[in-house]
N, C-alpha and C. Protein backbone atom coordinates (compact mmCIF):
# COMPACT_ATOMS: atom_id res chain seq x y z
N MET A 1 0.83 -1.19 0.00
CA MET A 1 0.00 0.00 0.00
C MET A 1 0.87 1.24 0.00
N LYS A 2 0.65 2.12 -0.98
CA LYS A 2 1.48 3.32 -1.07
C LYS A 2 1.12 4.32 0.01
N GLN A 3 -0.15 4.36 0.40
CA GLN A 3 -0.59 5.27 1.44
C GLN A 3 -1.50 4.51 2.40
N TYR A 4 -1.43 4.87 3.66
CA TYR A 4 -2.36 4.28 4.61
C TYR A 4 -2.71 5.33 5.65
N PRO A 5 -3.90 5.24 6.26
CA PRO A 5 -4.37 6.28 7.17
C PRO A 5 -3.94 6.06 8.61
N ILE A 6 -3.43 7.12 9.24
CA ILE A 6 -3.19 7.13 10.67
C ILE A 6 -3.83 8.41 11.22
N CYS A 7 -3.98 8.50 12.54
CA CYS A 7 -4.57 9.73 13.07
C CYS A 7 -4.05 10.01 14.47
N ILE A 8 -4.28 11.24 14.90
CA ILE A 8 -3.91 11.73 16.22
C ILE A 8 -5.19 12.14 16.94
N ILE A 9 -5.36 11.69 18.18
CA ILE A 9 -6.49 12.15 19.02
C ILE A 9 -5.90 12.87 20.21
N ASP A 10 -6.00 14.19 20.21
CA ASP A 10 -5.39 15.02 21.25
C ASP A 10 -6.08 16.37 21.24
N ASP A 11 -6.38 16.92 22.41
CA ASP A 11 -7.10 18.19 22.46
C ASP A 11 -6.18 19.41 22.53
N SER A 12 -4.87 19.18 22.52
CA SER A 12 -3.92 20.29 22.56
C SER A 12 -3.43 20.59 21.14
N GLU A 13 -3.67 21.81 20.67
CA GLU A 13 -3.22 22.17 19.33
C GLU A 13 -1.69 22.10 19.22
N GLU A 14 -1.02 22.50 20.29
CA GLU A 14 0.44 22.45 20.28
C GLU A 14 0.94 21.01 20.13
N ASP A 15 0.34 20.10 20.89
CA ASP A 15 0.74 18.69 20.80
C ASP A 15 0.34 18.09 19.46
N GLN A 16 -0.80 18.51 18.93
CA GLN A 16 -1.22 18.04 17.61
C GLN A 16 -0.17 18.39 16.56
N LYS A 17 0.27 19.64 16.57
CA LYS A 17 1.25 20.09 15.59
C LYS A 17 2.58 19.34 15.76
N ARG A 18 2.97 19.15 17.01
CA ARG A 18 4.23 18.43 17.28
C ARG A 18 4.16 17.00 16.76
N LEU A 19 3.07 16.30 17.08
CA LEU A 19 2.94 14.91 16.64
C LEU A 19 2.78 14.80 15.13
N LEU A 20 2.07 15.76 14.52
CA LEU A 20 1.95 15.76 13.06
C LEU A 20 3.32 15.85 12.40
N ASN A 21 4.16 16.72 12.94
CA ASN A 21 5.49 16.91 12.38
C ASN A 21 6.33 15.65 12.54
N ILE A 22 6.31 15.06 13.74
CA ILE A 22 7.14 13.88 13.99
C ILE A 22 6.60 12.67 13.23
N ALA A 23 5.28 12.44 13.31
CA ALA A 23 4.68 11.28 12.64
C ALA A 23 4.84 11.38 11.13
N GLY A 24 4.78 12.61 10.60
CA GLY A 24 4.93 12.79 9.16
C GLY A 24 6.30 12.36 8.66
N LYS A 25 7.31 12.51 9.51
CA LYS A 25 8.66 12.10 9.13
C LYS A 25 8.87 10.59 9.30
N VAL A 26 8.26 10.02 10.34
CA VAL A 26 8.43 8.58 10.59
C VAL A 26 7.57 7.75 9.64
N PHE A 27 6.38 8.27 9.31
CA PHE A 27 5.45 7.57 8.41
C PHE A 27 5.20 8.43 7.17
N PRO A 28 6.20 8.60 6.31
CA PRO A 28 6.05 9.51 5.17
C PRO A 28 4.98 9.08 4.17
N GLU A 29 4.65 7.77 4.16
CA GLU A 29 3.65 7.29 3.21
C GLU A 29 2.24 7.35 3.77
N ALA A 30 2.09 7.81 5.02
CA ALA A 30 0.79 7.82 5.67
C ALA A 30 0.04 9.13 5.41
N VAL A 31 -1.28 9.04 5.43
CA VAL A 31 -2.16 10.21 5.43
C VAL A 31 -2.64 10.39 6.85
N CYS A 32 -2.30 11.51 7.47
CA CYS A 32 -2.56 11.70 8.90
C CYS A 32 -3.71 12.68 9.14
N SER A 33 -4.69 12.24 9.93
CA SER A 33 -5.82 13.08 10.32
C SER A 33 -5.68 13.44 11.79
N VAL A 34 -6.39 14.49 12.21
CA VAL A 34 -6.33 14.96 13.60
C VAL A 34 -7.74 15.10 14.14
N PHE A 35 -7.94 14.61 15.38
CA PHE A 35 -9.22 14.76 16.08
C PHE A 35 -8.95 15.34 17.47
N SER A 36 -9.86 16.20 17.92
CA SER A 36 -9.68 16.86 19.21
C SER A 36 -10.36 16.12 20.36
N SER A 37 -11.07 15.04 20.06
CA SER A 37 -11.71 14.24 21.10
C SER A 37 -11.96 12.84 20.59
N CYS A 38 -12.15 11.93 21.52
CA CYS A 38 -12.49 10.55 21.14
C CYS A 38 -13.86 10.53 20.46
N SER A 39 -14.78 11.34 20.95
CA SER A 39 -16.12 11.39 20.36
C SER A 39 -16.07 11.84 18.91
N GLU A 40 -15.24 12.84 18.64
CA GLU A 40 -15.10 13.33 17.26
C GLU A 40 -14.54 12.23 16.36
N PHE A 41 -13.56 11.48 16.88
CA PHE A 41 -12.99 10.37 16.12
C PHE A 41 -14.05 9.32 15.81
N LEU A 42 -14.80 8.91 16.82
CA LEU A 42 -15.80 7.86 16.64
C LEU A 42 -16.92 8.30 15.71
N ALA A 43 -17.24 9.59 15.72
CA ALA A 43 -18.29 10.10 14.84
C ALA A 43 -17.88 10.08 13.38
N SER A 44 -16.57 10.03 13.13
CA SER A 44 -16.09 10.04 11.74
C SER A 44 -16.35 8.72 11.03
N SER A 45 -16.47 7.63 11.81
CA SER A 45 -16.73 6.29 11.27
C SER A 45 -15.69 5.84 10.26
N SER A 46 -14.50 6.39 10.34
CA SER A 46 -13.41 5.99 9.44
C SER A 46 -12.55 4.93 10.13
N TYR A 47 -11.71 4.26 9.32
CA TYR A 47 -10.83 3.22 9.86
C TYR A 47 -9.38 3.66 9.67
N TYR A 48 -8.54 3.45 10.70
CA TYR A 48 -7.15 3.86 10.66
C TYR A 48 -6.25 2.69 11.05
N LEU A 49 -5.10 2.63 10.42
CA LEU A 49 -4.16 1.58 10.77
C LEU A 49 -3.46 1.87 12.10
N LEU A 50 -3.29 3.15 12.42
CA LEU A 50 -2.65 3.53 13.68
C LEU A 50 -3.31 4.78 14.23
N VAL A 51 -3.63 4.73 15.54
CA VAL A 51 -4.15 5.90 16.25
C VAL A 51 -3.16 6.29 17.33
N LEU A 52 -2.71 7.54 17.31
CA LEU A 52 -1.88 8.09 18.38
C LEU A 52 -2.83 8.78 19.36
N LEU A 53 -2.98 8.18 20.53
CA LEU A 53 -4.06 8.55 21.44
C LEU A 53 -3.53 9.11 22.75
N ASP A 54 -4.04 10.28 23.13
CA ASP A 54 -3.75 10.84 24.45
C ASP A 54 -4.67 10.17 25.46
N ILE A 55 -4.26 10.09 26.71
CA ILE A 55 -5.11 9.47 27.74
C ILE A 55 -6.16 10.45 28.24
N GLN A 56 -5.77 11.71 28.46
CA GLN A 56 -6.73 12.72 28.89
C GLN A 56 -7.03 13.62 27.71
N VAL A 57 -8.21 13.43 27.12
CA VAL A 57 -8.60 14.22 25.94
C VAL A 57 -9.84 15.02 26.33
N ALA A 58 -9.62 16.29 26.66
CA ALA A 58 -10.69 17.14 27.20
C ALA A 58 -11.27 16.43 28.43
N GLU A 59 -12.57 16.14 28.41
CA GLU A 59 -13.20 15.48 29.56
C GLU A 59 -13.24 13.95 29.40
N GLU A 60 -12.62 13.45 28.36
CA GLU A 60 -12.70 12.02 28.06
C GLU A 60 -11.43 11.29 28.48
N ASP A 61 -11.60 10.04 28.84
CA ASP A 61 -10.49 9.17 29.22
C ASP A 61 -10.17 8.27 28.04
N GLY A 62 -8.98 8.45 27.47
CA GLY A 62 -8.60 7.69 26.29
C GLY A 62 -8.58 6.19 26.52
N ILE A 63 -8.16 5.77 27.71
CA ILE A 63 -8.11 4.34 28.01
C ILE A 63 -9.52 3.75 28.04
N ARG A 64 -10.44 4.48 28.66
CA ARG A 64 -11.82 3.99 28.72
C ARG A 64 -12.47 3.96 27.34
N CYS A 65 -12.05 4.86 26.47
CA CYS A 65 -12.61 4.90 25.11
C CYS A 65 -11.90 3.94 24.16
N SER A 66 -10.78 3.36 24.61
CA SER A 66 -9.92 2.62 23.69
C SER A 66 -10.58 1.38 23.09
N GLN A 67 -11.45 0.73 23.85
CA GLN A 67 -12.09 -0.47 23.29
C GLN A 67 -12.95 -0.11 22.09
N GLU A 68 -13.70 0.98 22.21
CA GLU A 68 -14.52 1.41 21.08
C GLU A 68 -13.65 1.94 19.95
N ILE A 69 -12.58 2.66 20.30
CA ILE A 69 -11.66 3.17 19.28
C ILE A 69 -11.02 2.01 18.52
N SER A 70 -10.70 0.94 19.23
CA SER A 70 -10.02 -0.20 18.59
C SER A 70 -10.88 -0.87 17.54
N MET A 71 -12.19 -0.63 17.55
CA MET A 71 -13.06 -1.16 16.49
C MET A 71 -12.84 -0.43 15.18
N HIS A 72 -12.14 0.71 15.25
CA HIS A 72 -11.90 1.53 14.06
C HIS A 72 -10.41 1.72 13.78
N ALA A 73 -9.58 0.85 14.36
CA ALA A 73 -8.13 0.99 14.20
C ALA A 73 -7.45 -0.37 14.31
N SER A 74 -6.35 -0.51 13.56
CA SER A 74 -5.57 -1.74 13.67
C SER A 74 -4.69 -1.72 14.91
N PHE A 75 -4.11 -0.54 15.21
CA PHE A 75 -3.22 -0.43 16.37
C PHE A 75 -3.43 0.93 17.05
N ILE A 76 -3.16 0.95 18.36
CA ILE A 76 -3.21 2.18 19.14
C ILE A 76 -1.86 2.38 19.81
N ALA A 77 -1.34 3.59 19.75
CA ALA A 77 -0.14 3.95 20.50
C ALA A 77 -0.49 5.16 21.36
N TYR A 78 -0.31 5.03 22.66
CA TYR A 78 -0.59 6.15 23.56
C TYR A 78 0.57 7.14 23.54
N VAL A 79 0.23 8.42 23.43
CA VAL A 79 1.21 9.50 23.55
C VAL A 79 0.61 10.47 24.57
N THR A 80 1.14 10.48 25.78
CA THR A 80 0.44 11.14 26.88
C THR A 80 1.40 11.69 27.92
N SER A 81 0.86 12.53 28.80
CA SER A 81 1.63 13.03 29.94
C SER A 81 1.42 12.17 31.17
N PHE A 82 0.47 11.22 31.09
CA PHE A 82 0.10 10.41 32.25
C PHE A 82 0.88 9.09 32.24
N ASN A 83 2.21 9.18 32.42
CA ASN A 83 3.01 7.97 32.36
C ASN A 83 2.75 7.01 33.52
N GLU A 84 2.09 7.51 34.60
CA GLU A 84 1.79 6.63 35.73
C GLU A 84 0.68 5.63 35.39
N ARG A 85 0.01 5.82 34.24
CA ARG A 85 -1.08 4.92 33.87
C ARG A 85 -0.66 3.89 32.83
N VAL A 86 0.63 3.70 32.69
CA VAL A 86 1.13 2.79 31.67
C VAL A 86 0.57 1.38 31.84
N MET A 87 0.43 0.90 33.07
CA MET A 87 -0.05 -0.46 33.29
C MET A 87 -1.53 -0.59 32.97
N ASP A 88 -2.27 0.52 33.05
CA ASP A 88 -3.70 0.49 32.71
C ASP A 88 -3.92 0.47 31.20
N ALA A 89 -2.91 0.92 30.48
CA ALA A 89 -3.11 1.17 29.05
C ALA A 89 -3.00 -0.07 28.18
N PHE A 90 -2.17 -1.02 28.60
CA PHE A 90 -1.88 -2.12 27.68
C PHE A 90 -3.03 -3.09 27.57
N ALA A 91 -3.34 -3.42 26.32
CA ALA A 91 -4.46 -4.29 25.97
C ALA A 91 -4.20 -4.76 24.54
N PRO A 92 -5.01 -5.72 24.04
CA PRO A 92 -4.85 -6.11 22.65
C PRO A 92 -4.91 -4.90 21.72
N LYS A 93 -4.07 -4.89 20.73
CA LYS A 93 -3.98 -3.85 19.71
C LYS A 93 -3.19 -2.61 20.15
N VAL A 94 -2.72 -2.57 21.40
CA VAL A 94 -1.88 -1.45 21.84
C VAL A 94 -0.44 -1.72 21.40
N ALA A 95 0.07 -0.84 20.56
CA ALA A 95 1.40 -1.05 19.97
C ALA A 95 2.51 -0.38 20.75
N GLY A 96 2.18 0.58 21.64
CA GLY A 96 3.23 1.25 22.38
C GLY A 96 2.69 2.31 23.31
N PHE A 97 3.57 2.80 24.20
CA PHE A 97 3.22 3.83 25.17
C PHE A 97 4.36 4.83 25.20
N LEU A 98 4.09 6.05 24.75
CA LEU A 98 5.09 7.10 24.70
C LEU A 98 4.63 8.27 25.55
N THR A 99 5.57 9.05 26.05
CA THR A 99 5.20 10.18 26.89
C THR A 99 5.59 11.50 26.23
N LYS A 100 4.79 12.53 26.51
CA LYS A 100 5.03 13.83 25.91
C LYS A 100 6.26 14.52 26.48
N SER A 101 6.77 14.01 27.60
CA SER A 101 7.99 14.58 28.18
C SER A 101 9.22 14.16 27.40
N MET A 102 9.07 13.20 26.51
CA MET A 102 10.19 12.77 25.67
C MET A 102 10.60 13.91 24.74
N THR A 103 11.86 13.92 24.36
CA THR A 103 12.31 14.86 23.34
C THR A 103 11.74 14.43 21.99
N ASP A 104 11.82 15.33 21.02
CA ASP A 104 11.35 14.98 19.68
C ASP A 104 12.10 13.76 19.14
N GLU A 105 13.38 13.69 19.45
CA GLU A 105 14.20 12.57 18.98
C GLU A 105 13.74 11.26 19.62
N GLU A 106 13.41 11.32 20.91
CA GLU A 106 12.94 10.11 21.61
C GLU A 106 11.56 9.67 21.12
N LEU A 107 10.68 10.64 20.89
CA LEU A 107 9.37 10.30 20.35
C LEU A 107 9.50 9.69 18.95
N SER A 108 10.37 10.28 18.15
CA SER A 108 10.61 9.76 16.81
C SER A 108 11.13 8.34 16.86
N ALA A 109 12.05 8.07 17.77
CA ALA A 109 12.61 6.72 17.91
C ALA A 109 11.54 5.73 18.35
N GLY A 110 10.65 6.17 19.26
CA GLY A 110 9.57 5.30 19.71
C GLY A 110 8.61 4.96 18.60
N LEU A 111 8.25 5.96 17.80
CA LEU A 111 7.36 5.72 16.66
C LEU A 111 8.05 4.86 15.60
N GLN A 112 9.36 5.05 15.44
CA GLN A 112 10.10 4.25 14.47
C GLN A 112 10.09 2.78 14.88
N THR A 113 10.19 2.51 16.18
CA THR A 113 10.12 1.13 16.66
C THR A 113 8.77 0.51 16.31
N ILE A 114 7.69 1.28 16.52
CA ILE A 114 6.35 0.80 16.16
C ILE A 114 6.25 0.56 14.66
N ARG A 115 6.78 1.50 13.89
CA ARG A 115 6.75 1.35 12.43
C ARG A 115 7.49 0.09 11.99
N ASN A 116 8.68 -0.12 12.54
CA ASN A 116 9.49 -1.27 12.13
C ASN A 116 8.80 -2.59 12.47
N ARG A 117 8.12 -2.60 13.62
CA ARG A 117 7.49 -3.84 14.08
C ARG A 117 6.20 -4.16 13.34
N TYR A 118 5.42 -3.12 13.00
CA TYR A 118 4.08 -3.38 12.49
C TYR A 118 3.81 -2.89 11.06
N PHE A 119 4.65 -1.99 10.54
CA PHE A 119 4.26 -1.33 9.30
C PHE A 119 5.25 -1.41 8.15
N VAL A 120 6.52 -1.71 8.42
CA VAL A 120 7.48 -1.73 7.31
C VAL A 120 7.12 -2.88 6.37
N PRO A 121 6.85 -2.60 5.11
CA PRO A 121 6.44 -3.65 4.18
C PRO A 121 7.51 -4.72 4.04
N SER A 122 7.09 -5.96 4.15
CA SER A 122 8.02 -7.07 3.97
C SER A 122 7.48 -8.10 2.98
N MET A 123 6.29 -7.82 2.42
CA MET A 123 5.68 -8.72 1.44
C MET A 123 5.05 -7.92 0.32
N GLN A 124 4.87 -8.57 -0.82
CA GLN A 124 4.15 -7.98 -1.94
C GLN A 124 3.15 -9.00 -2.47
N ILE A 125 2.04 -8.50 -2.99
CA ILE A 125 1.05 -9.38 -3.57
C ILE A 125 0.34 -8.65 -4.70
N ARG A 126 -0.09 -9.39 -5.71
CA ARG A 126 -0.73 -8.79 -6.89
C ARG A 126 -2.22 -8.63 -6.65
N THR A 127 -2.72 -7.43 -6.96
CA THR A 127 -4.16 -7.17 -6.87
C THR A 127 -4.65 -6.61 -8.21
N ARG A 128 -5.95 -6.44 -8.32
CA ARG A 128 -6.53 -5.90 -9.55
C ARG A 128 -6.07 -4.47 -9.83
N THR A 129 -5.65 -3.77 -8.77
CA THR A 129 -5.21 -2.38 -8.94
C THR A 129 -3.69 -2.25 -8.96
N GLY A 130 -2.99 -3.39 -8.97
CA GLY A 130 -1.54 -3.37 -9.00
C GLY A 130 -0.93 -4.12 -7.83
N VAL A 131 0.39 -4.13 -7.79
CA VAL A 131 1.10 -4.81 -6.71
C VAL A 131 1.10 -3.93 -5.47
N ILE A 132 0.75 -4.51 -4.30
CA ILE A 132 0.79 -3.77 -3.05
C ILE A 132 1.85 -4.37 -2.14
N SER A 133 2.48 -3.52 -1.35
CA SER A 133 3.46 -3.95 -0.35
C SER A 133 2.86 -3.77 1.03
N PHE A 134 3.12 -4.69 1.94
CA PHE A 134 2.50 -4.62 3.26
C PHE A 134 3.28 -5.45 4.25
N HIS A 135 3.01 -5.20 5.53
CA HIS A 135 3.55 -6.03 6.60
C HIS A 135 2.48 -7.08 6.95
N PRO A 136 2.86 -8.34 7.17
CA PRO A 136 1.85 -9.38 7.46
C PRO A 136 0.93 -9.06 8.63
N SER A 137 1.41 -8.32 9.63
CA SER A 137 0.57 -8.00 10.79
C SER A 137 -0.60 -7.10 10.43
N MET A 138 -0.54 -6.44 9.26
CA MET A 138 -1.60 -5.53 8.85
C MET A 138 -2.80 -6.26 8.25
N VAL A 139 -2.61 -7.52 7.87
CA VAL A 139 -3.70 -8.28 7.24
C VAL A 139 -4.71 -8.71 8.30
N GLN A 140 -5.98 -8.39 8.09
CA GLN A 140 -7.01 -8.80 9.03
C GLN A 140 -7.60 -10.16 8.65
N TYR A 141 -7.93 -10.31 7.39
CA TYR A 141 -8.43 -11.62 6.94
C TYR A 141 -8.37 -11.70 5.42
N ILE A 142 -8.44 -12.92 4.93
CA ILE A 142 -8.51 -13.20 3.50
C ILE A 142 -9.74 -14.04 3.26
N SER A 143 -10.51 -13.68 2.25
CA SER A 143 -11.80 -14.33 2.03
C SER A 143 -12.02 -14.64 0.55
N LYS A 144 -12.51 -15.84 0.28
CA LYS A 144 -12.88 -16.23 -1.08
C LYS A 144 -14.39 -16.10 -1.23
N ARG A 145 -14.80 -15.28 -2.18
CA ARG A 145 -16.23 -15.08 -2.44
C ARG A 145 -16.48 -15.42 -3.90
N GLY A 146 -17.18 -16.52 -4.11
CA GLY A 146 -17.32 -17.00 -5.48
C GLY A 146 -15.97 -17.49 -5.97
N ARG A 147 -15.51 -16.94 -7.07
CA ARG A 147 -14.20 -17.30 -7.61
C ARG A 147 -13.13 -16.28 -7.28
N THR A 148 -13.50 -15.25 -6.54
CA THR A 148 -12.58 -14.15 -6.28
C THR A 148 -12.08 -14.18 -4.85
N ILE A 149 -10.80 -13.88 -4.66
CA ILE A 149 -10.19 -13.83 -3.33
C ILE A 149 -9.85 -12.39 -2.99
N TYR A 150 -10.22 -11.99 -1.76
CA TYR A 150 -9.99 -10.64 -1.29
C TYR A 150 -9.06 -10.66 -0.07
N ILE A 151 -8.21 -9.64 0.03
CA ILE A 151 -7.39 -9.45 1.22
C ILE A 151 -7.85 -8.16 1.87
N SER A 152 -8.08 -8.21 3.19
CA SER A 152 -8.63 -7.06 3.90
C SER A 152 -7.66 -6.54 4.96
N PHE A 153 -7.45 -5.23 4.92
CA PHE A 153 -6.66 -4.54 5.94
C PHE A 153 -7.57 -3.67 6.81
N GLY A 154 -8.87 -3.88 6.72
CA GLY A 154 -9.88 -3.07 7.39
C GLY A 154 -11.03 -2.85 6.45
N LYS A 155 -12.13 -2.35 6.97
CA LYS A 155 -13.35 -2.24 6.17
C LYS A 155 -13.17 -1.38 4.93
N GLU A 156 -12.34 -0.37 5.02
CA GLU A 156 -12.17 0.54 3.89
C GLU A 156 -10.92 0.24 3.08
N MET A 157 -10.25 -0.88 3.39
CA MET A 157 -9.00 -1.23 2.71
C MET A 157 -9.02 -2.71 2.31
N GLU A 158 -9.75 -2.99 1.27
CA GLU A 158 -9.91 -4.35 0.79
C GLU A 158 -9.48 -4.40 -0.67
N TYR A 159 -8.72 -5.44 -1.03
CA TYR A 159 -8.18 -5.55 -2.37
C TYR A 159 -8.54 -6.91 -2.97
N GLN A 160 -8.83 -6.91 -4.25
CA GLN A 160 -9.14 -8.14 -4.98
C GLN A 160 -7.84 -8.72 -5.52
N LEU A 161 -7.52 -9.95 -5.14
CA LEU A 161 -6.26 -10.57 -5.55
C LEU A 161 -6.34 -11.16 -6.94
N VAL A 162 -5.15 -11.28 -7.55
CA VAL A 162 -5.03 -11.83 -8.90
C VAL A 162 -4.30 -13.17 -8.83
N ALA A 163 -4.87 -14.19 -9.46
CA ALA A 163 -4.21 -15.50 -9.60
C ALA A 163 -3.72 -16.05 -8.26
N GLU A 164 -4.61 -16.01 -7.27
CA GLU A 164 -4.27 -16.53 -5.95
C GLU A 164 -5.25 -17.62 -5.53
N THR A 165 -4.83 -18.45 -4.60
CA THR A 165 -5.69 -19.45 -3.99
C THR A 165 -5.61 -19.31 -2.48
N ILE A 166 -6.62 -19.79 -1.79
CA ILE A 166 -6.61 -19.77 -0.33
C ILE A 166 -5.42 -20.57 0.19
N GLN A 167 -5.15 -21.70 -0.44
CA GLN A 167 -4.04 -22.54 0.00
C GLN A 167 -2.71 -21.81 -0.08
N HIS A 168 -2.47 -21.10 -1.18
CA HIS A 168 -1.21 -20.37 -1.33
C HIS A 168 -1.14 -19.21 -0.34
N CYS A 169 -2.27 -18.53 -0.12
CA CYS A 169 -2.30 -17.44 0.86
C CYS A 169 -1.93 -17.96 2.24
N GLN A 170 -2.40 -19.14 2.58
CA GLN A 170 -2.08 -19.73 3.88
C GLN A 170 -0.59 -20.07 3.97
N GLU A 171 -0.01 -20.46 2.85
CA GLU A 171 1.41 -20.80 2.84
C GLU A 171 2.29 -19.57 3.02
N ILE A 172 1.92 -18.45 2.39
CA ILE A 172 2.75 -17.25 2.48
C ILE A 172 2.44 -16.42 3.72
N LEU A 173 1.27 -16.67 4.34
CA LEU A 173 0.89 -15.97 5.56
C LEU A 173 0.51 -17.02 6.61
N PRO A 174 1.51 -17.75 7.12
CA PRO A 174 1.23 -18.89 8.00
C PRO A 174 0.64 -18.51 9.35
N ASP A 175 0.74 -17.24 9.76
CA ASP A 175 0.18 -16.84 11.05
C ASP A 175 -1.34 -16.65 10.99
N LEU A 176 -1.90 -16.62 9.78
CA LEU A 176 -3.35 -16.53 9.67
C LEU A 176 -3.96 -17.89 9.99
N CYS A 177 -5.11 -17.87 10.63
CA CYS A 177 -5.79 -19.10 11.04
C CYS A 177 -6.92 -19.42 10.06
N ARG A 178 -6.92 -20.63 9.57
CA ARG A 178 -7.99 -21.04 8.65
C ARG A 178 -9.24 -21.37 9.47
N ILE A 179 -10.35 -20.71 9.15
CA ILE A 179 -11.58 -20.94 9.92
C ILE A 179 -12.63 -21.72 9.13
N ASN A 180 -12.45 -21.81 7.83
CA ASN A 180 -13.31 -22.62 6.97
C ASN A 180 -12.61 -22.76 5.63
N GLN A 181 -13.26 -23.32 4.64
CA GLN A 181 -12.61 -23.56 3.35
C GLN A 181 -12.31 -22.27 2.60
N SER A 182 -12.96 -21.19 2.99
CA SER A 182 -12.87 -19.96 2.19
C SER A 182 -12.23 -18.78 2.90
N GLU A 183 -11.88 -18.91 4.20
CA GLU A 183 -11.41 -17.73 4.93
C GLU A 183 -10.24 -18.03 5.86
N LEU A 184 -9.30 -17.07 5.88
CA LEU A 184 -8.16 -17.07 6.79
C LEU A 184 -8.25 -15.81 7.62
N VAL A 185 -7.99 -15.91 8.93
CA VAL A 185 -8.17 -14.76 9.82
C VAL A 185 -6.93 -14.54 10.68
N ASN A 186 -6.58 -13.26 10.85
CA ASN A 186 -5.56 -12.87 11.81
C ASN A 186 -6.24 -12.75 13.16
N LEU A 187 -5.99 -13.69 14.06
CA LEU A 187 -6.70 -13.72 15.34
C LEU A 187 -6.36 -12.55 16.25
N ASP A 188 -5.31 -11.78 15.92
CA ASP A 188 -5.00 -10.59 16.71
C ASP A 188 -6.09 -9.54 16.57
N TYR A 189 -6.92 -9.65 15.51
CA TYR A 189 -7.98 -8.68 15.27
C TYR A 189 -9.33 -9.15 15.78
N VAL A 190 -9.37 -10.29 16.46
CA VAL A 190 -10.62 -10.84 16.96
C VAL A 190 -10.94 -10.24 18.33
N ARG A 191 -12.10 -9.60 18.43
CA ARG A 191 -12.52 -8.98 19.69
C ARG A 191 -13.26 -9.97 20.58
N SER A 192 -14.08 -10.83 19.96
CA SER A 192 -14.81 -11.82 20.74
C SER A 192 -14.99 -13.08 19.89
N ILE A 193 -15.16 -14.20 20.58
CA ILE A 193 -15.26 -15.48 19.89
C ILE A 193 -16.28 -16.37 20.58
N THR A 194 -17.11 -17.02 19.80
CA THR A 194 -17.99 -18.08 20.26
C THR A 194 -17.76 -19.27 19.33
N PRO A 195 -18.28 -20.44 19.66
CA PRO A 195 -18.08 -21.57 18.75
C PRO A 195 -18.59 -21.30 17.33
N GLU A 196 -19.62 -20.47 17.21
CA GLU A 196 -20.24 -20.24 15.90
C GLU A 196 -19.74 -18.99 15.18
N GLU A 197 -19.07 -18.07 15.90
CA GLU A 197 -18.83 -16.76 15.29
C GLU A 197 -17.58 -16.09 15.85
N LEU A 198 -16.88 -15.36 14.96
CA LEU A 198 -15.80 -14.48 15.36
C LEU A 198 -16.24 -13.04 15.06
N GLU A 199 -16.03 -12.15 16.01
CA GLU A 199 -16.28 -10.74 15.75
C GLU A 199 -14.97 -9.99 15.80
N LEU A 200 -14.62 -9.30 14.71
CA LEU A 200 -13.39 -8.53 14.67
C LEU A 200 -13.62 -7.17 15.32
N TYR A 201 -12.51 -6.48 15.61
CA TYR A 201 -12.62 -5.18 16.26
C TYR A 201 -13.36 -4.16 15.41
N ASP A 202 -13.34 -4.33 14.09
CA ASP A 202 -14.05 -3.36 13.23
C ASP A 202 -15.51 -3.75 13.02
N GLY A 203 -15.98 -4.79 13.74
CA GLY A 203 -17.37 -5.20 13.64
C GLY A 203 -17.65 -6.30 12.64
N THR A 204 -16.66 -6.66 11.83
CA THR A 204 -16.84 -7.74 10.87
C THR A 204 -17.12 -9.06 11.60
N ARG A 205 -18.08 -9.82 11.10
CA ARG A 205 -18.40 -11.13 11.67
C ARG A 205 -18.05 -12.23 10.68
N LEU A 206 -17.34 -13.24 11.17
CA LEU A 206 -16.93 -14.37 10.35
C LEU A 206 -17.36 -15.65 11.05
N PHE A 207 -17.54 -16.72 10.28
CA PHE A 207 -18.18 -17.91 10.82
C PHE A 207 -17.34 -19.16 10.54
N PRO A 208 -16.73 -19.72 11.59
CA PRO A 208 -15.94 -20.94 11.43
C PRO A 208 -16.83 -22.12 11.04
N SER A 209 -16.27 -23.01 10.26
CA SER A 209 -17.00 -24.23 9.94
C SER A 209 -17.03 -25.14 11.16
N ARG A 210 -17.95 -26.09 11.18
CA ARG A 210 -18.03 -27.03 12.29
C ARG A 210 -16.70 -27.77 12.47
N ARG A 211 -16.08 -28.09 11.36
CA ARG A 211 -14.83 -28.84 11.39
C ARG A 211 -13.71 -28.05 12.05
N GLU A 212 -13.70 -26.73 11.87
CA GLU A 212 -12.59 -25.90 12.35
C GLU A 212 -12.85 -25.22 13.69
N ARG A 213 -14.06 -25.29 14.22
CA ARG A 213 -14.41 -24.51 15.41
C ARG A 213 -13.48 -24.78 16.59
N ARG A 214 -13.27 -26.03 16.90
CA ARG A 214 -12.44 -26.35 18.06
C ARG A 214 -11.01 -25.87 17.86
N HIS A 215 -10.48 -26.09 16.66
CA HIS A 215 -9.11 -25.65 16.37
C HIS A 215 -8.98 -24.14 16.51
N VAL A 216 -9.95 -23.39 15.97
CA VAL A 216 -9.90 -21.93 16.03
C VAL A 216 -9.91 -21.45 17.48
N GLN A 217 -10.78 -22.03 18.30
CA GLN A 217 -10.85 -21.63 19.71
C GLN A 217 -9.55 -21.95 20.44
N GLU A 218 -8.96 -23.10 20.16
CA GLU A 218 -7.71 -23.47 20.82
C GLU A 218 -6.58 -22.51 20.46
N VAL A 219 -6.48 -22.18 19.18
CA VAL A 219 -5.43 -21.25 18.74
C VAL A 219 -5.65 -19.86 19.34
N PHE A 220 -6.89 -19.41 19.38
CA PHE A 220 -7.20 -18.10 19.94
C PHE A 220 -6.84 -18.04 21.42
N LEU A 221 -7.19 -19.09 22.17
CA LEU A 221 -6.90 -19.11 23.60
C LEU A 221 -5.40 -19.12 23.87
N ARG A 222 -4.64 -19.82 23.03
CA ARG A 222 -3.17 -19.83 23.19
C ARG A 222 -2.60 -18.44 22.99
N ARG A 223 -3.19 -17.65 22.12
CA ARG A 223 -2.67 -16.32 21.84
C ARG A 223 -2.91 -15.35 22.98
N ILE A 224 -4.00 -15.51 23.70
CA ILE A 224 -4.31 -14.54 24.75
C ILE A 224 -3.82 -14.96 26.12
N GLN A 225 -3.30 -16.17 26.24
CA GLN A 225 -2.79 -16.63 27.53
C GLN A 225 -1.42 -16.06 27.83
């Protein structure tokens, strides 16, 4: 992907400008949006690969809002003055915890670590719109519908693959879990699971086959233990 969306949620204009400047250098291929509150972000109904989230945003608590925010984001990185709440912040999809007391160089290094771990492209795949480069952790699921196979990086980032099979996708992306004959899922994006259904953080619902249900639950439980 040549461009991908990230955003900043912070009620301080000064901090917004600072983070825009630093994030723009660390993620030069990203399109960065800014929101002054968690409510404003949620009202946008957009999906972002990375959210830089303050803990105290006006009258809102970023940590308390994070579960709902995570339905609209692949990863969250806290950038805050409340470093004493670091232990409260970590949860699935949290990629890092940075403090505003850091120098610009330290913040840049922290964001670079997140970029290297989750966003630096290490794979390429052919789609109907051309070859895209991506990091495997960004893939949410792969689905075969009819004769066509799609790769999804979020609700607004879905690509139709060319000359691919589910079997080959599973071979090149072994961390994805096969849930039925037609779908592979990155279990890191699963918010809740029952024997009959998986719900992803973005609200997508997927349905394991009877044959795969037990295996899917076992793999999911191993990941969260």
